[in-house]
């Protein structure tokens, strides 16, 4: 059984379960982002994993460019592309365990104050284990007790008076870059999903549930490069490139490519939306997928170069996805 599922069954956090093995197969670490990222750059090939309740995003590659900041840090590279929010990282652990075949598996696991996993790193056969050991030494926590104190779930921050439809449409129409979207929502005191529901079908329209699988079917095996974003409060992980091999296994829709694995729970999708955002280079199309709590599960874009319009093939894929009918909505 996976640690996440075992912890849920026993009403504890995953971080508490991992911490209980400190002194045995686990070493507690400081969640120091700068030391971690620079150490991983020296370690060579690794697998990085970021997940939320409904999606798991795995990338195999090397850490290339590292940008460290007090509020956000980044890894930029051909394979590993991350956006990290250090204030959300509370606990870290190095874990070693033997799999069913007797092979030793090494990982670094990081959690938020509530004990939820925000980021994991797994060693690969090509990982430089000498540099991996140096990194563990540099991150080792002075306290190696087997218990941690997690915090209760934080209540959602209270928003001020939300903007009305005219204000939303005025600001939306004035966008010149996709990175302006989140600051716009903050300024207007609007949750992301509520903004999509309000703005009007020229900018956002709800898709049929089948559209998510339809998106994968439309792009898999083609040379159309897409971007897939999966995140939580502490990390967002990005894939950029084509996808090739997809498979449906129970409720999970999977991508099983050489350097990219994605696992998406279709049964936990509450709504999917096609979204159109203006930019100085023409509008950009995306598909956003939400759970029952209104939280973003996964987001898809067509890969494009800054300063160029999006690929017509991607725009055609998005605009051809089935729209939610009134019958299905009821």
C-alpha atoms as a PDB file:
ATOM      1  CA  UNK A   1       0.000   0.000   0.000  1.00  0.00           C
ATOM      2  CA  UNK A   2       1.251   3.491  -0.811  1.00  0.00           C
ATOM      3  CA  UNK A   3       2.202   5.632   2.181  1.00  0.00           C
ATOM      4  CA  UNK A   4      -0.341   8.276   1.242  1.00  0.00           C
ATOM      5  CA  UNK A   5      -3.199   5.749   1.292  1.00  0.00           C
ATOM      6  CA  UNK A   6      -1.977   4.019   4.474  1.00  0.00           C
ATOM      7  CA  UNK A   7      -1.774   7.359   6.276  1.00  0.00           C
ATOM      8  CA  UNK A   8      -5.286   8.332   5.185  1.00  0.00           C
ATOM      9  CA  UNK A   9      -6.744   5.046   6.417  1.00  0.00           C
ATOM     10  CA  UNK A  10      -5.129   5.563   9.827  1.00  0.00           C
ATOM     11  CA  UNK A  11      -6.144   9.246  10.065  1.00  0.00           C
ATOM     12  CA  UNK A  12      -2.618  10.628  10.169  1.00  0.00           C
ATOM     13  CA  UNK A  13      -0.685  12.715   7.692  1.00  0.00           C
ATOM     14  CA  UNK A  14       1.819  11.191   5.282  1.00  0.00           C
ATOM     15  CA  UNK A  15       4.578  13.286   6.863  1.00  0.00           C
ATOM     16  CA  UNK A  16       3.838  11.808  10.307  1.00  0.00           C
ATOM     17  CA  UNK A  17       3.986   8.302   8.863  1.00  0.00           C
ATOM     18  CA  UNK A  18       7.378   8.975   7.254  1.00  0.00           C
ATOM     19  CA  UNK A  19       8.701  10.704  10.393  1.00  0.00           C
ATOM     20  CA  UNK A  20       7.818   7.653  12.496  1.00  0.00           C
ATOM     21  CA  UNK A  21      10.606   5.784  10.658  1.00  0.00           C
ATOM     22  CA  UNK A  22      13.358   8.319  11.468  1.00  0.00           C
ATOM     23  CA  UNK A  23      16.320   6.401  12.911  1.00  0.00           C
ATOM     24  CA  UNK A  24      15.410   3.309  10.917  1.00  0.00           C
ATOM     25  CA  UNK A  25      15.022   3.897   7.174  1.00  0.00           C
ATOM     26  CA  UNK A  26      14.507   7.662   7.304  1.00  0.00           C
ATOM     27  CA  UNK A  27      16.689  10.709   8.045  1.00  0.00           C
ATOM     28  CA  UNK A  28      15.067  14.056   8.769  1.00  0.00           C
ATOM     29  CA  UNK A  29      16.164  16.931   6.519  1.00  0.00           C
ATOM     30  CA  UNK A  30      15.930  20.699   6.525  1.00  0.00           C
ATOM     31  CA  UNK A  31      13.678  21.885   3.672  1.00  0.00           C
ATOM     32  CA  UNK A  32      16.317  24.318   2.406  1.00  0.00           C
ATOM     33  CA  UNK A  33      15.390  25.042  -1.212  1.00  0.00           C
ATOM     34  CA  UNK A  34      18.723  26.528  -2.320  1.00  0.00           C
ATOM     35  CA  UNK A  35      20.816  23.670  -0.925  1.00  0.00           C
ATOM     36  CA  UNK A  36      18.357  21.124  -2.336  1.00  0.00           C
ATOM     37  CA  UNK A  37      18.211  22.453  -5.882  1.00  0.00           C
ATOM     38  CA  UNK A  38      21.941  23.053  -6.238  1.00  0.00           C
ATOM     39  CA  UNK A  39      22.635  19.613  -4.770  1.00  0.00           C
ATOM     40  CA  UNK A  40      20.229  17.989  -7.192  1.00  0.00           C
ATOM     41  CA  UNK A  41      21.930  19.756 -10.083  1.00  0.00           C
ATOM     42  CA  UNK A  42      25.157  18.009  -9.098  1.00  0.00           C
ATOM     43  CA  UNK A  43      23.421  14.624  -8.682  1.00  0.00           C
ATOM     44  CA  UNK A  44      22.689  14.128 -12.366  1.00  0.00           C
ATOM     45  CA  UNK A  45      19.655  12.188 -13.560  1.00  0.00           C
ATOM     46  CA  UNK A  46      16.740  12.016 -11.124  1.00  0.00           C
ATOM     47  CA  UNK A  47      12.962  11.621 -11.143  1.00  0.00           C
ATOM     48  CA  UNK A  48      10.922  14.467  -9.649  1.00  0.00           C
ATOM     49  CA  UNK A  49       7.307  14.047  -8.556  1.00  0.00           C
ATOM     50  CA  UNK A  50       4.669  16.633  -7.748  1.00  0.00           C
ATOM     51  CA  UNK A  51       1.072  15.711  -7.019  1.00  0.00           C
ATOM     52  CA  UNK A  52      -2.267  16.732  -5.615  1.00  0.00           C
ATOM     53  CA  UNK A  53      -5.233  14.576  -4.644  1.00  0.00           C
ATOM     54  CA  UNK A  54      -6.213  13.829  -8.235  1.00  0.00           C
ATOM     55  CA  UNK A  55      -3.064  14.023 -10.363  1.00  0.00           C
ATOM     56  CA  UNK A  56       0.522  12.764 -10.158  1.00  0.00           C
ATOM     57  CA  UNK A  57       3.183  14.353 -12.397  1.00  0.00           C
ATOM     58  CA  UNK A  58       6.591  12.644 -12.807  1.00  0.00           C
ATOM     59  CA  UNK A  59       9.553  13.855 -14.859  1.00  0.00           C
ATOM     60  CA  UNK A  60      12.915  12.175 -15.442  1.00  0.00           C
ATOM     61  CA  UNK A  61      15.908  14.347 -16.265  1.00  0.00           C
ATOM     62  CA  UNK A  62      18.553  16.624 -14.813  1.00  0.00           C
ATOM     63  CA  UNK A  63      18.297  19.911 -12.936  1.00  0.00           C
ATOM     64  CA  UNK A  64      19.712  22.604 -15.201  1.00  0.00           C
ATOM     65  CA  UNK A  65      19.162  26.298 -14.370  1.00  0.00           C
ATOM     66  CA  UNK A  66      18.227  27.148 -10.751  1.00  0.00           C
ATOM     67  CA  UNK A  67      16.739  30.493  -9.719  1.00  0.00           C
ATOM     68  CA  UNK A  68      16.228  30.951  -5.964  1.00  0.00           C
ATOM     69  CA  UNK A  69      14.047  33.681  -4.471  1.00  0.00           C
ATOM     70  CA  UNK A  70      12.458  34.374  -1.066  1.00  0.00           C
ATOM     71  CA  UNK A  71       8.882  33.986  -2.313  1.00  0.00           C
ATOM     72  CA  UNK A  72       9.349  31.677  -5.284  1.00  0.00           C
ATOM     73  CA  UNK A  73      12.150  29.578  -6.773  1.00  0.00           C
ATOM     74  CA  UNK A  74      12.417  27.977 -10.190  1.00  0.00           C
ATOM     75  CA  UNK A  75      14.101  25.126 -11.997  1.00  0.00           C
ATOM     76  CA  UNK A  76      14.277  25.748 -15.740  1.00  0.00           C
ATOM     77  CA  UNK A  77      15.353  23.012 -18.121  1.00  0.00           C
ATOM     78  CA  UNK A  78      14.453  20.809 -21.039  1.00  0.00           C
ATOM     79  CA  UNK A  79      12.994  18.079 -18.807  1.00  0.00           C
ATOM     80  CA  UNK A  80      12.653  19.375 -15.233  1.00  0.00           C
ATOM     81  CA  UNK A  81      10.645  22.586 -14.957  1.00  0.00           C
ATOM     82  CA  UNK A  82       9.444  23.632 -11.476  1.00  0.00           C
ATOM     83  CA  UNK A  83       7.914  26.591  -9.651  1.00  0.00           C
ATOM     84  CA  UNK A  84       8.529  26.284  -5.899  1.00  0.00           C
ATOM     85  CA  UNK A  85       6.957  28.283  -3.053  1.00  0.00           C
ATOM     86  CA  UNK A  86       9.350  27.920  -0.086  1.00  0.00           C
ATOM     87  CA  UNK A  87       7.009  29.286   2.601  1.00  0.00           C
ATOM     88  CA  UNK A  88       4.842  26.188   2.179  1.00  0.00           C
ATOM     89  CA  UNK A  89       7.676  23.705   2.826  1.00  0.00           C
ATOM     90  CA  UNK A  90       7.823  22.592   6.473  1.00  0.00           C
ATOM     91  CA  UNK A  91       9.326  19.074   6.702  1.00  0.00           C
ATOM     92  CA  UNK A  92      11.891  17.076   4.754  1.00  0.00           C
ATOM     93  CA  UNK A  93      13.084  13.463   4.873  1.00  0.00           C
ATOM     94  CA  UNK A  94      15.527  11.161   3.103  1.00  0.00           C
ATOM     95  CA  UNK A  95      13.960   7.724   2.718  1.00  0.00           C
ATOM     96  CA  UNK A  96      15.619   4.407   1.848  1.00  0.00           C
ATOM     97  CA  UNK A  97      13.581   1.244   1.424  1.00  0.00           C
ATOM     98  CA  UNK A  98      13.857  -2.074  -0.369  1.00  0.00           C
ATOM     99  CA  UNK A  99      11.325  -2.924  -3.077  1.00  0.00           C
ATOM    100  CA  UNK A 100       9.796  -6.334  -3.803  1.00  0.00           C
ATOM    101  CA  UNK A 101      12.782  -7.279  -5.977  1.00  0.00           C
ATOM    102  CA  UNK A 102      15.243  -6.427  -3.211  1.00  0.00           C
ATOM    103  CA  UNK A 103      16.550  -3.243  -4.829  1.00  0.00           C
ATOM    104  CA  UNK A 104      17.300  -0.267  -2.589  1.00  0.00           C
ATOM    105  CA  UNK A 105      15.173   2.774  -3.464  1.00  0.00           C
ATOM    106  CA  UNK A 106      16.280   6.247  -2.389  1.00  0.00           C
ATOM    107  CA  UNK A 107      14.056   9.326  -2.245  1.00  0.00           C
ATOM    108  CA  UNK A 108      13.841  12.818  -0.775  1.00  0.00           C
ATOM    109  CA  UNK A 109      10.368  13.788   0.397  1.00  0.00           C
ATOM    110  CA  UNK A 110       9.085  17.219   1.395  1.00  0.00           C
ATOM    111  CA  UNK A 111       5.817  18.169   3.104  1.00  0.00           C
ATOM    112  CA  UNK A 112       3.837  21.240   4.112  1.00  0.00           C
ATOM    113  CA  UNK A 113       2.864  22.213   7.666  1.00  0.00           C
ATOM    114  CA  UNK A 114      -0.243  20.012   7.451  1.00  0.00           C
ATOM    115  CA  UNK A 115       1.863  16.972   6.527  1.00  0.00           C
ATOM    116  CA  UNK A 116       0.817  16.862   2.850  1.00  0.00           C
ATOM    117  CA  UNK A 117       3.448  15.960   0.268  1.00  0.00           C
ATOM    118  CA  UNK A 118       4.542  18.928  -1.841  1.00  0.00           C
ATOM    119  CA  UNK A 119       7.541  17.469  -3.694  1.00  0.00           C
ATOM    120  CA  UNK A 120       9.508  14.214  -3.972  1.00  0.00           C
ATOM    121  CA  UNK A 121      12.766  13.265  -5.676  1.00  0.00           C
ATOM    122  CA  UNK A 122      13.704   9.673  -6.532  1.00  0.00           C
ATOM    123  CA  UNK A 123      17.216   8.494  -7.330  1.00  0.00           C
ATOM    124  CA  UNK A 124      17.678   6.727 -10.668  1.00  0.00           C
ATOM    125  CA  UNK A 125      20.247   4.138 -11.820  1.00  0.00           C
ATOM    126  CA  UNK A 126      22.214   6.998 -13.421  1.00  0.00           C
ATOM    127  CA  UNK A 127      22.105   9.231 -10.329  1.00  0.00           C
ATOM    128  CA  UNK A 128      25.501  10.242  -8.934  1.00  0.00           C
ATOM    129  CA  UNK A 129      25.187   8.669  -5.472  1.00  0.00           C
ATOM    130  CA  UNK A 130      28.297  10.396  -4.147  1.00  0.00           C
ATOM    131  CA  UNK A 131      26.702  13.787  -4.800  1.00  0.00           C
ATOM    132  CA  UNK A 132      23.386  12.444  -3.458  1.00  0.00           C
ATOM    133  CA  UNK A 133      25.145  11.564  -0.178  1.00  0.00           C
ATOM    134  CA  UNK A 134      26.789  14.997  -0.031  1.00  0.00           C
ATOM    135  CA  UNK A 135      23.364  16.593  -0.468  1.00  0.00           C
ATOM    136  CA  UNK A 136      21.896  14.518   2.362  1.00  0.00           C
ATOM    137  CA  UNK A 137      24.733  15.583   4.622  1.00  0.00           C
ATOM    138  CA  UNK A 138      24.187  19.237   3.771  1.00  0.00           C
ATOM    139  CA  UNK A 139      20.441  18.969   4.430  1.00  0.00           C
ATOM    140  CA  UNK A 140      20.562  16.789   7.558  1.00  0.00           C
ATOM    141  CA  UNK A 141      18.404  18.213  10.363  1.00  0.00           C
ATOM    142  CA  UNK A 142      19.957  18.648  13.814  1.00  0.00           C
ATOM    143  CA  UNK A 143      16.882  17.036  15.388  1.00  0.00           C
ATOM    144  CA  UNK A 144      16.408  13.377  14.429  1.00  0.00           C
ATOM    145  CA  UNK A 145      13.379  12.513  16.570  1.00  0.00           C
ATOM    146  CA  UNK A 146      10.674  10.265  15.126  1.00  0.00           C
ATOM    147  CA  UNK A 147       7.733  12.589  15.786  1.00  0.00           C
ATOM    148  CA  UNK A 148       6.668  15.881  14.237  1.00  0.00           C
ATOM    149  CA  UNK A 149       3.844  18.291  15.006  1.00  0.00           C
ATOM    150  CA  UNK A 150       1.605  19.087  12.048  1.00  0.00           C
ATOM    151  CA  UNK A 151      -0.766  22.024  11.891  1.00  0.00           C
ATOM    152  CA  UNK A 152      -4.521  21.926  11.228  1.00  0.00           C
ATOM    153  CA  UNK A 153      -5.701  22.822   7.764  1.00  0.00           C
ATOM    154  CA  UNK A 154      -5.625  26.544   7.261  1.00  0.00           C
ATOM    155  CA  UNK A 155      -8.996  28.201   6.612  1.00  0.00           C
ATOM    156  CA  UNK A 156      -9.322  29.806   3.225  1.00  0.00           C
ATOM    157  CA  UNK A 157      -8.274  33.431   3.247  1.00  0.00           C
ATOM    158  CA  UNK A 158     -11.235  35.785   3.353  1.00  0.00           C
ATOM    159  CA  UNK A 159     -11.682  37.722   0.126  1.00  0.00           C
ATOM    160  CA  UNK A 160     -12.846  41.284  -0.095  1.00  0.00           C
ATOM    161  CA  UNK A 161     -15.816  42.450  -2.125  1.00  0.00           C
ATOM    162  CA  UNK A 162     -15.694  40.520  -5.414  1.00  0.00           C
ATOM    163  CA  UNK A 163     -15.645  42.351  -8.713  1.00  0.00           C
ATOM    164  CA  UNK A 164     -18.754  42.382 -10.864  1.00  0.00           C
ATOM    165  CA  UNK A 165     -19.052  41.011 -14.383  1.00  0.00           C
ATOM    166  CA  UNK A 166     -18.244  44.288 -16.121  1.00  0.00           C
ATOM    167  CA  UNK A 167     -15.058  44.730 -14.072  1.00  0.00           C
ATOM    168  CA  UNK A 168     -13.992  41.149 -14.751  1.00  0.00           C
ATOM    169  CA  UNK A 169     -14.531  41.427 -18.496  1.00  0.00           C
ATOM    170  CA  UNK A 170     -12.745  44.784 -18.647  1.00  0.00           C
ATOM    171  CA  UNK A 171      -9.672  43.422 -16.876  1.00  0.00           C
ATOM    172  CA  UNK A 172      -9.764  40.117 -18.796  1.00  0.00           C
ATOM    173  CA  UNK A 173      -9.887  41.931 -22.142  1.00  0.00           C
ATOM    174  CA  UNK A 174      -6.890  44.014 -21.040  1.00  0.00           C
ATOM    175  CA  UNK A 175      -4.579  41.048 -20.445  1.00  0.00           C
ATOM    176  CA  UNK A 176      -1.359  41.123 -22.463  1.00  0.00           C
ATOM    177  CA  UNK A 177       0.403  38.122 -20.880  1.00  0.00           C
ATOM    178  CA  UNK A 178      -0.862  34.877 -19.323  1.00  0.00           C
ATOM    179  CA  UNK A 179       1.215  35.558 -16.198  1.00  0.00           C
ATOM    180  CA  UNK A 180      -1.069  38.519 -15.464  1.00  0.00           C
ATOM    181  CA  UNK A 181      -4.063  36.227 -14.928  1.00  0.00           C
ATOM    182  CA  UNK A 182      -3.493  35.234 -11.299  1.00  0.00           C
ATOM    183  CA  UNK A 183      -2.659  38.781 -10.137  1.00  0.00           C
ATOM    184  CA  UNK A 184      -5.840  39.913 -11.901  1.00  0.00           C
ATOM    185  CA  UNK A 185      -7.927  37.419  -9.911  1.00  0.00           C
ATOM    186  CA  UNK A 186      -6.301  38.603  -6.672  1.00  0.00           C
ATOM    187  CA  UNK A 187      -7.041  42.226  -7.504  1.00  0.00           C
ATOM    188  CA  UNK A 188     -10.670  41.421  -8.316  1.00  0.00           C
ATOM    189  CA  UNK A 189     -11.163  39.158  -5.239  1.00  0.00           C
ATOM    190  CA  UNK A 190     -12.373  36.294  -7.411  1.00  0.00           C
ATOM    191  CA  UNK A 191     -11.567  32.577  -7.046  1.00  0.00           C
ATOM    192  CA  UNK A 192     -10.300  31.143 -10.306  1.00  0.00           C
ATOM    193  CA  UNK A 193     -13.259  28.853 -10.999  1.00  0.00           C
ATOM    194  CA  UNK A 194     -15.786  31.566 -10.160  1.00  0.00           C
ATOM    195  CA  UNK A 195     -14.133  33.851 -12.689  1.00  0.00           C
ATOM    196  CA  UNK A 196     -14.469  31.195 -15.396  1.00  0.00           C
ATOM    197  CA  UNK A 197     -18.125  30.689 -14.517  1.00  0.00           C
ATOM    198  CA  UNK A 198     -18.806  34.433 -14.684  1.00  0.00           C
ATOM    199  CA  UNK A 199     -16.822  35.821 -17.563  1.00  0.00           C
ATOM    200  CA  UNK A 200     -18.832  34.602 -20.574  1.00  0.00           C
ATOM    201  CA  UNK A 201     -18.407  31.962 -23.251  1.00  0.00           C
ATOM    202  CA  UNK A 202     -16.233  34.125 -25.485  1.00  0.00           C
ATOM    203  CA  UNK A 203     -13.510  33.710 -22.838  1.00  0.00           C
ATOM    204  CA  UNK A 204     -14.378  30.469 -20.998  1.00  0.00           C
ATOM    205  CA  UNK A 205     -16.787  27.629 -21.695  1.00  0.00           C
ATOM    206  CA  UNK A 206     -17.469  24.425 -19.791  1.00  0.00           C
ATOM    207  CA  UNK A 207     -16.528  21.164 -21.453  1.00  0.00           C
ATOM    208  CA  UNK A 208     -18.137  17.770 -21.299  1.00  0.00           C
ATOM    209  CA  UNK A 209     -16.479  15.302 -18.932  1.00  0.00           C
ATOM    210  CA  UNK A 210     -15.370  13.243 -21.943  1.00  0.00           C
ATOM    211  CA  UNK A 211     -13.310  16.198 -23.174  1.00  0.00           C
ATOM    212  CA  UNK A 212     -10.398  15.382 -20.854  1.00  0.00           C
ATOM    213  CA  UNK A 213      -9.865  11.927 -22.342  1.00  0.00           C
ATOM    214  CA  UNK A 214     -10.613  13.445 -25.742  1.00  0.00           C
ATOM    215  CA  UNK A 215      -7.770  15.909 -25.308  1.00  0.00           C
ATOM    216  CA  UNK A 216      -5.296  13.084 -24.674  1.00  0.00           C
ATOM    217  CA  UNK A 217      -6.629  11.099 -27.634  1.00  0.00           C
ATOM    218  CA  UNK A 218      -6.283  14.123 -29.911  1.00  0.00           C
ATOM    219  CA  UNK A 219      -2.646  14.893 -29.086  1.00  0.00           C
ATOM    220  CA  UNK A 220      -1.131  11.479 -28.208  1.00  0.00           C
ATOM    221  CA  UNK A 221       1.110  10.106 -30.913  1.00  0.00           C
ATOM    222  CA  UNK A 222       1.267  13.405 -32.801  1.00  0.00           C
ATOM    223  CA  UNK A 223       4.208  15.791 -32.810  1.00  0.00           C
ATOM    224  CA  UNK A 224       2.116  18.543 -31.206  1.00  0.00           C
ATOM    225  CA  UNK A 225       3.961  19.744 -28.077  1.00  0.00           C
ATOM    226  CA  UNK A 226       1.739  20.517 -25.114  1.00  0.00           C
ATOM    227  CA  UNK A 227       2.316  21.814 -21.604  1.00  0.00           C
ATOM    228  CA  UNK A 228       0.818  19.994 -18.600  1.00  0.00           C
ATOM    229  CA  UNK A 229       0.892  21.747 -15.200  1.00  0.00           C
ATOM    230  CA  UNK A 230       0.208  19.859 -11.947  1.00  0.00           C
ATOM    231  CA  UNK A 231       0.635  21.586  -8.628  1.00  0.00           C
ATOM    232  CA  UNK A 232      -0.141  21.945  -4.971  1.00  0.00           C
ATOM    233  CA  UNK A 233       0.448  24.781  -2.515  1.00  0.00           C
ATOM    234  CA  UNK A 234       4.206  24.184  -2.445  1.00  0.00           C
ATOM    235  CA  UNK A 235       5.196  23.283  -5.993  1.00  0.00           C
ATOM    236  CA  UNK A 236       4.043  23.358  -9.608  1.00  0.00           C
ATOM    237  CA  UNK A 237       5.636  20.906 -12.050  1.00  0.00           C
ATOM    238  CA  UNK A 238       5.488  21.359 -15.818  1.00  0.00           C
ATOM    239  CA  UNK A 239       5.858  19.042 -18.799  1.00  0.00           C
ATOM    240  CA  UNK A 240       6.531  20.623 -22.179  1.00  0.00           C
ATOM    241  CA  UNK A 241       6.587  18.443 -25.277  1.00  0.00           C
ATOM    242  CA  UNK A 242       4.601  15.821 -27.183  1.00  0.00           C
ATOM    243  CA  UNK A 243       3.020  12.825 -25.463  1.00  0.00           C
ATOM    244  CA  UNK A 244       3.037   9.368 -26.992  1.00  0.00           C
ATOM    245  CA  UNK A 245       1.776   6.469 -24.901  1.00  0.00           C
ATOM    246  CA  UNK A 246      -1.495   6.796 -22.990  1.00  0.00           C
ATOM    247  CA  UNK A 247      -3.507   4.139 -21.168  1.00  0.00           C
ATOM    248  CA  UNK A 248      -6.697   4.027 -19.115  1.00  0.00           C
ATOM    249  CA  UNK A 249      -6.412   1.863 -15.979  1.00  0.00           C
ATOM    250  CA  UNK A 250      -9.533   1.893 -13.824  1.00  0.00           C
ATOM    251  CA  UNK A 251     -10.252   5.537 -12.964  1.00  0.00           C
ATOM    252  CA  UNK A 252      -6.689   6.595 -13.868  1.00  0.00           C
ATOM    253  CA  UNK A 253      -5.811   8.108 -17.234  1.00  0.00           C
ATOM    254  CA  UNK A 254      -2.050   7.656 -17.654  1.00  0.00           C
ATOM    255  CA  UNK A 255       0.780   8.926 -19.803  1.00  0.00           C
ATOM    256  CA  UNK A 256       3.705   6.476 -19.769  1.00  0.00           C
ATOM    257  CA  UNK A 257       6.401   8.084 -21.906  1.00  0.00           C
ATOM    258  CA  UNK A 258      10.154   7.712 -21.514  1.00  0.00           C
ATOM    259  CA  UNK A 259      10.756  10.828 -19.425  1.00  0.00           C
ATOM    260  CA  UNK A 260       7.177  11.849 -18.517  1.00  0.00           C
ATOM    261  CA  UNK A 261       4.597   9.947 -16.495  1.00  0.00           C
ATOM    262  CA  UNK A 262       1.196  11.398 -15.632  1.00  0.00           C
ATOM    263  CA  UNK A 263      -1.609   9.787 -13.633  1.00  0.00           C
ATOM    264  CA  UNK A 264      -4.981  11.584 -13.599  1.00  0.00           C
ATOM    265  CA  UNK A 265      -8.079  10.455 -11.652  1.00  0.00           C
ATOM    266  CA  UNK A 266     -10.973  10.929 -14.068  1.00  0.00           C
ATOM    267  CA  UNK A 267     -13.558  10.044 -11.410  1.00  0.00           C
ATOM    268  CA  UNK A 268     -12.481  13.007  -9.274  1.00  0.00           C
ATOM    269  CA  UNK A 269     -13.043  15.591 -11.997  1.00  0.00           C
ATOM    270  CA  UNK A 270     -15.990  17.856 -11.245  1.00  0.00           C
ATOM    271  CA  UNK A 271     -15.622  20.215 -14.219  1.00  0.00           C
ATOM    272  CA  UNK A 272     -13.367  21.014 -17.152  1.00  0.00           C
ATOM    273  CA  UNK A 273     -13.126  24.341 -18.936  1.00  0.00           C
ATOM    274  CA  UNK A 274     -11.701  25.705 -22.165  1.00  0.00           C
ATOM    275  CA  UNK A 275     -10.216  29.121 -21.456  1.00  0.00           C
ATOM    276  CA  UNK A 276      -9.167  31.895 -23.811  1.00  0.00           C
ATOM    277  CA  UNK A 277      -6.808  34.623 -22.555  1.00  0.00           C
ATOM    278  CA  UNK A 278      -5.723  37.648 -24.620  1.00  0.00           C
ATOM    279  CA  UNK A 279      -1.985  38.341 -24.932  1.00  0.00           C
ATOM    280  CA  UNK A 280       0.082  40.797 -26.930  1.00  0.00           C
ATOM    281  CA  UNK A 281       0.776  37.923 -29.366  1.00  0.00           C
ATOM    282  CA  UNK A 282      -2.837  36.805 -29.866  1.00  0.00           C
ATOM    283  CA  UNK A 283      -5.096  34.835 -27.571  1.00  0.00           C
ATOM    284  CA  UNK A 284      -3.869  31.731 -25.753  1.00  0.00           C
ATOM    285  CA  UNK A 285      -6.087  28.671 -25.283  1.00  0.00           C
ATOM    286  CA  UNK A 286      -5.941  26.345 -22.296  1.00  0.00           C
ATOM    287  CA  UNK A 287      -7.907  23.526 -20.687  1.00  0.00           C
ATOM    288  CA  UNK A 288      -8.390  23.653 -16.910  1.00  0.00           C
ATOM    289  CA  UNK A 289      -9.671  20.749 -14.816  1.00  0.00           C
ATOM    290  CA  UNK A 290     -11.243  21.160 -11.339  1.00  0.00           C
ATOM    291  CA  UNK A 291     -12.282  18.918  -8.448  1.00  0.00           C
ATOM    292  CA  UNK A 292     -15.403  19.029  -6.281  1.00  0.00           C
ATOM    293  CA  UNK A 293     -13.824  21.615  -3.966  1.00  0.00           C
ATOM    294  CA  UNK A 294     -13.210  23.971  -6.891  1.00  0.00           C
ATOM    295  CA  UNK A 295      -9.446  23.350  -6.763  1.00  0.00           C
ATOM    296  CA  UNK A 296      -7.409  23.221  -9.950  1.00  0.00           C
ATOM    297  CA  UNK A 297      -6.236  19.642 -10.651  1.00  0.00           C
ATOM    298  CA  UNK A 298      -4.354  20.086 -13.902  1.00  0.00           C
ATOM    299  CA  UNK A 299      -3.938  22.657 -16.631  1.00  0.00           C
ATOM    300  CA  UNK A 300      -2.983  22.208 -20.307  1.00  0.00           C
ATOM    301  CA  UNK A 301      -1.562  24.672 -22.843  1.00  0.00           C
ATOM    302  CA  UNK A 302      -0.022  24.334 -26.251  1.00  0.00           C
ATOM    303  CA  UNK A 303       3.730  24.861 -26.093  1.00  0.00           C
ATOM    304  CA  UNK A 304       4.715  28.143 -27.705  1.00  0.00           C
ATOM    305  CA  UNK A 305       7.639  30.519 -27.857  1.00  0.00           C
ATOM    306  CA  UNK A 306       7.289  33.866 -26.098  1.00  0.00           C
ATOM    307  CA  UNK A 307       6.536  36.523 -28.677  1.00  0.00           C
ATOM    308  CA  UNK A 308       4.644  34.181 -31.025  1.00  0.00           C
ATOM    309  CA  UNK A 309       1.011  33.240 -31.424  1.00  0.00           C
ATOM    310  CA  UNK A 310      -0.056  29.787 -30.229  1.00  0.00           C
ATOM    311  CA  UNK A 311       0.045  26.866 -32.636  1.00  0.00           C
ATOM    312  CA  UNK A 312      -3.085  26.596 -34.819  1.00  0.00           C
ATOM    313  CA  UNK A 313      -3.120  22.807 -34.228  1.00  0.00           C
ATOM    314  CA  UNK A 314      -3.456  23.295 -30.469  1.00  0.00           C
ATOM    315  CA  UNK A 315      -6.177  25.908 -30.865  1.00  0.00           C
ATOM    316  CA  UNK A 316      -8.077  23.533 -33.134  1.00  0.00           C
ATOM    317  CA  UNK A 317      -7.799  20.704 -30.570  1.00  0.00           C
ATOM    318  CA  UNK A 318      -9.230  22.877 -27.788  1.00  0.00           C
ATOM    319  CA  UNK A 319     -12.038  24.308 -29.875  1.00  0.00           C
ATOM    320  CA  UNK A 320     -13.053  20.832 -31.101  1.00  0.00           C
ATOM    321  CA  UNK A 321     -13.491  19.391 -27.564  1.00  0.00           C
ATOM    322  CA  UNK A 322     -17.114  18.539 -26.688  1.00  0.00           C
ATOM    323  CA  UNK A 323     -18.965  21.290 -24.858  1.00  0.00           C
ATOM    324  CA  UNK A 324     -21.096  20.488 -21.807  1.00  0.00           C
ATOM    325  CA  UNK A 325     -24.717  20.252 -22.933  1.00  0.00           C
ATOM    326  CA  UNK A 326     -27.590  21.496 -20.793  1.00  0.00           C
ATOM    327  CA  UNK A 327     -28.790  17.901 -20.476  1.00  0.00           C
ATOM    328  CA  UNK A 328     -25.444  16.723 -19.064  1.00  0.00           C
ATOM    329  CA  UNK A 329     -25.221  19.771 -16.826  1.00  0.00           C
ATOM    330  CA  UNK A 330     -28.587  18.885 -15.273  1.00  0.00           C
END
